[in-house]
Protein backbone atom coordinates (compact mmCIF):
# COMPACT_ATOMS: atom_id res chain seq x y z
CA MET A 1 15.25 -5.48 13.14
CA SER A 2 13.30 -2.48 11.95
CA ALA A 3 14.87 0.39 10.06
CA ILE A 4 14.13 3.81 8.65
CA PHE A 5 16.03 4.41 5.42
CA TYR A 6 16.85 7.97 4.44
CA HIS A 7 17.98 9.44 1.11
CA ASP A 8 19.30 12.82 2.23
CA GLU A 9 20.31 14.72 5.35
CA ASN A 10 16.87 16.32 5.67
CA GLN A 11 15.20 12.89 5.85
CA LYS A 12 17.84 11.72 8.32
CA ALA A 13 17.25 14.73 10.58
CA LEU A 14 13.48 14.22 10.42
CA ALA A 15 13.86 10.53 11.30
CA GLU A 16 16.14 11.34 14.24
CA GLU A 17 13.77 14.04 15.48
CA THR A 18 10.80 11.68 15.25
CA MET A 19 12.69 8.92 17.06
CA GLN A 20 13.60 11.33 19.84
CA LYS A 21 9.98 12.47 20.24
CA GLU A 22 8.69 8.89 20.24
CA SER A 23 11.32 7.73 22.74
CA GLY A 24 10.07 10.06 25.46
CA GLY A 25 8.22 8.28 28.23
CA ARG A 26 8.92 4.75 27.00
CA LYS A 27 10.19 2.13 29.39
CA ARG A 28 12.45 0.57 26.77
CA PRO A 29 14.45 2.29 24.03
CA ILE A 30 13.22 2.10 20.46
CA GLN A 31 15.32 -0.44 18.58
CA THR A 32 14.71 0.96 15.08
CA LYS A 33 17.91 1.85 13.22
CA ILE A 34 18.25 4.95 11.02
CA VAL A 35 20.26 3.91 7.98
CA ALA A 36 21.31 5.53 4.70
CA ALA A 37 19.36 4.08 1.79
CA GLU A 38 21.56 2.31 -0.68
CA ARG A 39 20.62 0.28 -3.68
CA PHE A 40 16.95 -0.70 -3.85
CA TYR A 41 15.70 -3.85 -5.53
CA ASP A 42 12.10 -4.36 -6.57
CA ALA A 43 10.54 -7.56 -5.33
CA GLU A 44 10.06 -10.37 -7.82
CA ASP A 45 7.09 -9.94 -10.14
CA TYR A 46 4.90 -12.42 -8.29
CA HIS A 47 5.28 -10.37 -5.08
CA GLN A 48 4.14 -7.12 -6.69
CA LYS A 49 0.61 -6.24 -5.50
CA TYR A 50 0.43 -9.73 -4.03
CA LEU A 51 -2.97 -9.37 -2.37
CA LEU A 52 -4.56 -8.00 -5.52
CA ARG A 53 -3.04 -10.86 -7.53
CA GLN A 54 -4.75 -13.37 -5.24
CA GLN A 55 -8.11 -12.15 -6.58
CA ARG A 56 -7.31 -13.72 -9.95
CA GLY A 57 -10.53 -12.85 -11.75
CA LEU A 58 -10.36 -9.23 -10.69
CA PHE A 59 -6.62 -8.99 -11.32
CA ASN A 60 -6.88 -10.47 -14.81
CA SER A 61 -9.84 -8.23 -15.65
CA LEU A 62 -7.71 -5.15 -14.92
CA GLN A 63 -5.42 -6.13 -17.84
CA LEU A 64 -2.36 -4.44 -16.37
CA SER A 65 1.09 -4.80 -17.88
CA GLN A 66 3.85 -5.81 -15.45
CA LYS A 67 5.12 -2.22 -15.48
CA GLU A 68 1.62 -0.97 -14.61
CA VAL A 69 1.34 -3.49 -11.77
CA ILE A 70 4.52 -2.09 -10.26
CA ASN A 71 3.96 1.62 -10.93
CA SER A 72 0.19 2.10 -10.90
CA HIS A 73 -1.19 4.18 -8.05
CA ILE A 74 -4.59 2.60 -8.67
CA ALA A 75 -3.17 -0.93 -8.42
CA ALA A 76 -1.52 0.07 -5.13
CA ARG A 77 -4.79 1.48 -3.76
CA LEU A 78 -6.77 -1.60 -4.84
CA ASN A 79 -4.13 -3.89 -3.31
CA GLY A 80 -4.61 -2.06 -0.02
CA TYR A 81 -8.38 -2.33 -0.11
CA VAL A 82 -8.21 -6.04 -0.99
CA GLY A 83 -5.87 -6.46 1.99
CA GLY A 84 -8.36 -4.86 4.35
CA TYR A 85 -6.75 -1.44 4.55
CA GLY A 86 -9.24 1.35 4.07
CA SER A 87 -12.88 1.65 4.97
CA PRO A 88 -15.86 0.98 2.74
CA ASN A 89 -16.72 4.69 2.95
CA LYS A 90 -13.24 5.69 1.79
CA PHE A 91 -13.47 3.19 -1.06
CA GLU A 92 -16.84 4.60 -2.11
CA LYS A 93 -15.34 8.10 -2.27
CA GLU A 94 -12.32 6.93 -4.29
CA LEU A 95 -14.23 4.59 -6.60
CA PRO A 96 -14.93 7.14 -9.38
CA ASN A 97 -11.17 7.75 -9.71
CA PHE A 98 -10.36 4.09 -10.38
CA GLY A 99 -12.02 3.74 -13.79
CA LEU A 100 -13.43 0.32 -12.94
CA SER A 101 -16.26 -1.49 -14.66
CA VAL A 102 -19.51 -2.02 -12.77
CA GLU A 103 -18.56 -5.70 -12.32
CA GLN A 104 -15.10 -4.87 -10.94
CA ALA A 105 -16.53 -2.26 -8.56
CA SER A 106 -19.25 -4.65 -7.39
CA TYR A 107 -16.70 -7.39 -6.71
CA LEU A 108 -14.50 -5.00 -4.72
CA ASN A 109 -17.48 -3.68 -2.77
CA GLN A 110 -18.30 -7.24 -1.73
CA LEU A 111 -14.69 -7.89 -0.75
CA ILE A 112 -14.46 -4.88 1.50
CA GLY A 113 -17.84 -5.42 3.12
CA ARG A 114 -20.03 -2.87 1.41
CA GLY A 115 -22.12 -5.42 -0.48
CA PRO A 116 -23.26 -5.22 -4.09
CA MET A 117 -23.45 -1.84 -5.74
CA SER A 118 -26.94 -0.49 -6.24
């Protein structure tokens, strides 16, 4: 089952409107449910930024606290790049904002297919 969770009536209306637009012209109805968001539970620590954690050397070199792993925008962006989401060109543009060492940046460039930094 897939679901869209909403927090207020505005989000609910937007979800319903989007579902209606997307339903037009389809042979089968969309099965996604629109449901009020209730209590949210963070995943266990070892699931947080899972793909980034799999690059142990890089992950350890970032020296992030558990709170930073969960809340850091940069950790989220790096997790996406490590997982193959985002182009090498996009990474190159964002790189100055990450505050990475030359070694960290070089490793990430290799992971996402750009090759070593010059």
